Amino acid sequence: MTTLRIPTPLRTYTGGKSEVTVSGAKISEALADLTTQYPAIKPHLFNEGGELRPFVNLFVGEHNIKDLQGVDTPIKDGDKVMLIPSIAGGKNS
């Protein structure tokens, strides 16, 4: 099993849990397991076409999956995956 760390803004959809255990051999399978366990989180991670939203960042250890194989990035038991939504905002000058 893989541990998936949930950021504070999305914990509402995981019953307040900061970490959940998911199964799968790659990120896409782990996310499918996550959305099966917690269906309310799905629209916050995926668009209507079923693709990962661009502001959703996933890290396996210290590596962003966007720099690896995307949702096809392999994972193994014991891996820690962090879900980190991008933060937008700031002041325009």
N, C-alpha and C. Protein backbone atom coordinates (compact mmCIF):
# COMPACT_ATOMS: atom_id res chain seq x y z
N MET A 1 0.83 -1.19 0.00
CA MET A 1 0.00 0.00 0.00
C MET A 1 0.88 1.25 0.00
N THR A 2 0.32 2.29 -0.56
CA THR A 2 1.01 3.56 -0.67
C THR A 2 0.29 4.58 0.20
N THR A 3 1.05 5.44 0.86
CA THR A 3 0.46 6.51 1.66
C THR A 3 0.37 7.76 0.81
N LEU A 4 -0.83 8.34 0.75
CA LEU A 4 -1.06 9.56 -0.02
C LEU A 4 -1.39 10.67 0.97
N ARG A 5 -0.57 11.71 0.97
CA ARG A 5 -0.75 12.85 1.87
C ARG A 5 -1.73 13.82 1.24
N ILE A 6 -2.74 14.19 2.00
CA ILE A 6 -3.81 15.06 1.52
C ILE A 6 -3.60 16.47 2.10
N PRO A 7 -3.60 17.51 1.24
CA PRO A 7 -3.43 18.87 1.75
C PRO A 7 -4.68 19.33 2.51
N THR A 8 -4.49 20.26 3.41
CA THR A 8 -5.56 20.75 4.27
C THR A 8 -6.83 21.14 3.50
N PRO A 9 -6.76 21.88 2.38
CA PRO A 9 -8.00 22.28 1.70
C PRO A 9 -8.82 21.10 1.16
N LEU A 10 -8.20 19.95 0.95
CA LEU A 10 -8.92 18.80 0.39
C LEU A 10 -9.33 17.77 1.45
N ARG A 11 -8.94 17.99 2.68
CA ARG A 11 -9.26 17.02 3.74
C ARG A 11 -10.76 16.94 4.03
N THR A 12 -11.50 17.97 3.67
CA THR A 12 -12.95 17.94 3.80
C THR A 12 -13.52 16.73 3.06
N TYR A 13 -12.88 16.36 1.96
CA TYR A 13 -13.38 15.29 1.10
C TYR A 13 -12.85 13.91 1.50
N THR A 14 -11.96 13.86 2.49
CA THR A 14 -11.42 12.58 2.96
C THR A 14 -11.77 12.37 4.43
N GLY A 15 -12.85 12.97 4.87
CA GLY A 15 -13.27 12.81 6.26
C GLY A 15 -12.29 13.41 7.24
N GLY A 16 -11.53 14.42 6.81
CA GLY A 16 -10.58 15.09 7.68
C GLY A 16 -9.23 14.41 7.76
N LYS A 17 -9.05 13.33 7.03
CA LYS A 17 -7.78 12.59 7.09
C LYS A 17 -6.67 13.33 6.36
N SER A 18 -5.50 13.39 6.99
CA SER A 18 -4.34 14.03 6.37
C SER A 18 -3.56 13.04 5.50
N GLU A 19 -3.73 11.75 5.76
CA GLU A 19 -3.09 10.70 4.96
C GLU A 19 -4.10 9.58 4.75
N VAL A 20 -4.10 9.03 3.55
CA VAL A 20 -4.93 7.88 3.25
C VAL A 20 -4.05 6.81 2.60
N THR A 21 -4.47 5.59 2.74
CA THR A 21 -3.74 4.48 2.14
C THR A 21 -4.44 4.10 0.85
N VAL A 22 -3.66 4.01 -0.23
CA VAL A 22 -4.21 3.65 -1.54
C VAL A 22 -3.39 2.51 -2.12
N SER A 23 -4.00 1.81 -3.06
CA SER A 23 -3.28 0.72 -3.71
C SER A 23 -3.15 1.03 -5.20
N GLY A 24 -2.18 0.39 -5.82
CA GLY A 24 -1.95 0.56 -7.25
C GLY A 24 -0.47 0.51 -7.55
N ALA A 25 -0.16 0.14 -8.79
CA ALA A 25 1.23 0.03 -9.22
C ALA A 25 1.74 1.31 -9.87
N LYS A 26 0.83 2.23 -10.15
CA LYS A 26 1.22 3.52 -10.71
C LYS A 26 0.27 4.59 -10.19
N ILE A 27 0.64 5.83 -10.38
CA ILE A 27 -0.11 6.96 -9.84
C ILE A 27 -1.58 6.92 -10.28
N SER A 28 -1.84 6.63 -11.54
CA SER A 28 -3.23 6.61 -12.02
C SER A 28 -4.07 5.61 -11.25
N GLU A 29 -3.50 4.45 -10.92
CA GLU A 29 -4.24 3.43 -10.17
C GLU A 29 -4.46 3.87 -8.73
N ALA A 30 -3.47 4.54 -8.14
CA ALA A 30 -3.60 5.05 -6.78
C ALA A 30 -4.69 6.12 -6.73
N LEU A 31 -4.75 6.98 -7.74
CA LEU A 31 -5.78 8.02 -7.77
C LEU A 31 -7.15 7.41 -7.99
N ALA A 32 -7.24 6.36 -8.80
CA ALA A 32 -8.51 5.67 -8.99
C ALA A 32 -8.99 5.08 -7.67
N ASP A 33 -8.07 4.49 -6.91
CA ASP A 33 -8.42 3.94 -5.60
C ASP A 33 -8.86 5.05 -4.66
N LEU A 34 -8.15 6.18 -4.67
CA LEU A 34 -8.51 7.32 -3.83
C LEU A 34 -9.93 7.79 -4.14
N THR A 35 -10.26 7.94 -5.42
CA THR A 35 -11.58 8.46 -5.78
C THR A 35 -12.68 7.42 -5.59
N THR A 36 -12.32 6.15 -5.52
CA THR A 36 -13.30 5.12 -5.17
C THR A 36 -13.61 5.21 -3.67
N GLN A 37 -12.56 5.39 -2.87
CA GLN A 37 -12.75 5.51 -1.42
C GLN A 37 -13.45 6.82 -1.04
N TYR A 38 -13.10 7.89 -1.75
CA TYR A 38 -13.60 9.24 -1.42
C TYR A 38 -14.09 9.92 -2.71
N PRO A 39 -15.27 9.53 -3.20
CA PRO A 39 -15.76 10.06 -4.49
C PRO A 39 -15.88 11.58 -4.55
N ALA A 40 -16.13 12.24 -3.44
CA ALA A 40 -16.32 13.69 -3.44
C ALA A 40 -15.05 14.45 -3.82
N ILE A 41 -13.88 13.81 -3.73
CA ILE A 41 -12.63 14.50 -4.06
C ILE A 41 -12.37 14.53 -5.57
N LYS A 42 -13.02 13.64 -6.30
CA LYS A 42 -12.72 13.48 -7.73
C LYS A 42 -12.81 14.78 -8.54
N PRO A 43 -13.90 15.57 -8.45
CA PRO A 43 -13.96 16.79 -9.27
C PRO A 43 -12.91 17.84 -8.91
N HIS A 44 -12.28 17.69 -7.77
CA HIS A 44 -11.23 18.63 -7.36
C HIS A 44 -9.86 18.22 -7.91
N LEU A 45 -9.77 16.99 -8.41
CA LEU A 45 -8.51 16.49 -8.97
C LEU A 45 -8.55 16.33 -10.48
N PHE A 46 -9.74 16.00 -11.01
CA PHE A 46 -9.87 15.69 -12.44
C PHE A 46 -10.88 16.61 -13.11
N ASN A 47 -10.62 16.92 -14.39
CA ASN A 47 -11.58 17.71 -15.16
C ASN A 47 -12.68 16.79 -15.69
N GLU A 48 -13.62 17.36 -16.44
CA GLU A 48 -14.75 16.59 -16.96
C GLU A 48 -14.30 15.48 -17.92
N GLY A 49 -13.15 15.65 -18.53
CA GLY A 49 -12.62 14.65 -19.46
C GLY A 49 -11.83 13.55 -18.77
N GLY A 50 -11.75 13.62 -17.44
CA GLY A 50 -11.05 12.59 -16.69
C GLY A 50 -9.55 12.80 -16.59
N GLU A 51 -9.07 13.98 -17.03
CA GLU A 51 -7.64 14.27 -16.95
C GLU A 51 -7.33 15.02 -15.66
N LEU A 52 -6.14 14.79 -15.14
CA LEU A 52 -5.70 15.47 -13.93
C LEU A 52 -5.68 16.97 -14.18
N ARG A 53 -6.27 17.72 -13.29
CA ARG A 53 -6.31 19.18 -13.46
C ARG A 53 -4.87 19.73 -13.42
N PRO A 54 -4.59 20.78 -14.20
CA PRO A 54 -3.22 21.30 -14.29
C PRO A 54 -2.67 21.84 -12.97
N PHE A 55 -3.53 22.27 -12.06
CA PHE A 55 -3.04 22.84 -10.80
C PHE A 55 -2.79 21.78 -9.74
N VAL A 56 -3.02 20.51 -10.07
CA VAL A 56 -2.79 19.42 -9.12
C VAL A 56 -1.37 18.89 -9.33
N ASN A 57 -0.57 18.95 -8.30
CA ASN A 57 0.80 18.44 -8.36
C ASN A 57 0.93 17.23 -7.44
N LEU A 58 1.55 16.20 -7.96
CA LEU A 58 1.78 14.99 -7.17
C LEU A 58 3.26 14.71 -7.13
N PHE A 59 3.74 14.41 -5.95
CA PHE A 59 5.15 14.12 -5.75
C PHE A 59 5.31 12.71 -5.19
N VAL A 60 6.21 11.95 -5.79
CA VAL A 60 6.62 10.66 -5.24
C VAL A 60 7.97 10.94 -4.60
N GLY A 61 7.99 10.92 -3.28
CA GLY A 61 9.20 11.37 -2.59
C GLY A 61 9.37 12.86 -2.90
N GLU A 62 10.50 13.22 -3.45
CA GLU A 62 10.78 14.63 -3.77
C GLU A 62 10.59 14.94 -5.24
N HIS A 63 10.09 13.98 -6.02
CA HIS A 63 10.00 14.14 -7.47
C HIS A 63 8.57 14.39 -7.94
N ASN A 64 8.38 15.49 -8.66
CA ASN A 64 7.09 15.80 -9.24
C ASN A 64 6.83 14.81 -10.37
N ILE A 65 5.62 14.21 -10.40
CA ILE A 65 5.34 13.24 -11.45
C ILE A 65 5.36 13.87 -12.84
N LYS A 66 5.19 15.20 -12.91
CA LYS A 66 5.26 15.89 -14.20
C LYS A 66 6.67 15.80 -14.79
N ASP A 67 7.67 15.60 -13.93
CA ASP A 67 9.05 15.45 -14.37
C ASP A 67 9.41 13.98 -14.59
N LEU A 68 8.49 13.09 -14.25
CA LEU A 68 8.73 11.65 -14.40
C LEU A 68 7.87 11.14 -15.54
N GLN A 69 6.92 10.26 -15.27
CA GLN A 69 6.07 9.69 -16.31
C GLN A 69 4.61 10.08 -16.14
N GLY A 70 4.38 11.21 -15.49
CA GLY A 70 3.01 11.67 -15.28
C GLY A 70 2.23 10.66 -14.45
N VAL A 71 0.95 10.46 -14.81
CA VAL A 71 0.12 9.52 -14.05
C VAL A 71 0.54 8.07 -14.26
N ASP A 72 1.43 7.83 -15.22
CA ASP A 72 1.96 6.49 -15.45
C ASP A 72 3.21 6.21 -14.60
N THR A 73 3.59 7.16 -13.75
CA THR A 73 4.74 6.98 -12.87
C THR A 73 4.51 5.78 -11.96
N PRO A 74 5.44 4.82 -11.97
CA PRO A 74 5.26 3.65 -11.10
C PRO A 74 5.48 3.99 -9.63
N ILE A 75 4.73 3.30 -8.78
CA ILE A 75 4.90 3.42 -7.34
C ILE A 75 4.93 2.02 -6.75
N LYS A 76 5.49 1.94 -5.56
CA LYS A 76 5.58 0.63 -4.91
C LYS A 76 5.13 0.74 -3.47
N ASP A 77 4.86 -0.40 -2.86
CA ASP A 77 4.44 -0.42 -1.46
C ASP A 77 5.43 0.37 -0.61
N GLY A 78 4.90 1.19 0.26
CA GLY A 78 5.75 1.96 1.15
C GLY A 78 6.07 3.36 0.63
N ASP A 79 5.82 3.61 -0.66
CA ASP A 79 6.06 4.96 -1.19
C ASP A 79 5.13 5.96 -0.51
N LYS A 80 5.63 7.18 -0.38
CA LYS A 80 4.81 8.27 0.12
C LYS A 80 4.59 9.24 -1.03
N VAL A 81 3.33 9.50 -1.30
CA VAL A 81 2.95 10.41 -2.39
C VAL A 81 2.29 11.61 -1.75
N MET A 82 2.70 12.80 -2.19
CA MET A 82 2.11 14.04 -1.68
C MET A 82 1.30 14.70 -2.78
N LEU A 83 0.10 15.09 -2.43
CA LEU A 83 -0.80 15.81 -3.31
C LEU A 83 -0.71 17.28 -2.90
N ILE A 84 -0.28 18.12 -3.82
CA ILE A 84 -0.08 19.54 -3.50
C ILE A 84 -0.76 20.38 -4.57
N PRO A 85 -1.85 21.07 -4.21
CA PRO A 85 -2.48 21.94 -5.20
C PRO A 85 -1.64 23.21 -5.36
N SER A 86 -1.59 23.71 -6.59
CA SER A 86 -0.88 24.97 -6.84
C SER A 86 -1.62 26.09 -6.16
N ILE A 87 -0.89 27.06 -5.72
CA ILE A 87 -1.48 28.24 -5.07
C ILE A 87 -1.34 29.40 -6.06
N ALA A 88 -2.45 30.05 -6.33
CA ALA A 88 -2.44 31.19 -7.24
C ALA A 88 -2.76 32.44 -6.44
N GLY A 89 -2.39 33.55 -6.97
CA GLY A 89 -2.71 34.79 -6.30
C GLY A 89 -1.52 35.71 -6.25
N GLY A 90 -1.65 36.71 -5.47
CA GLY A 90 -0.57 37.67 -5.38
C GLY A 90 -1.05 39.03 -5.84
N LYS A 91 -0.13 39.92 -5.93
CA LYS A 91 -0.44 41.29 -6.27
C LYS A 91 0.14 41.62 -7.63
N ASN A 92 -0.68 42.17 -8.48
CA ASN A 92 -0.19 42.63 -9.78
C ASN A 92 0.34 44.05 -9.62
N SER A 93 1.46 44.31 -10.24
CA SER A 93 2.04 45.65 -10.13
C SER A 93 1.70 46.47 -11.34
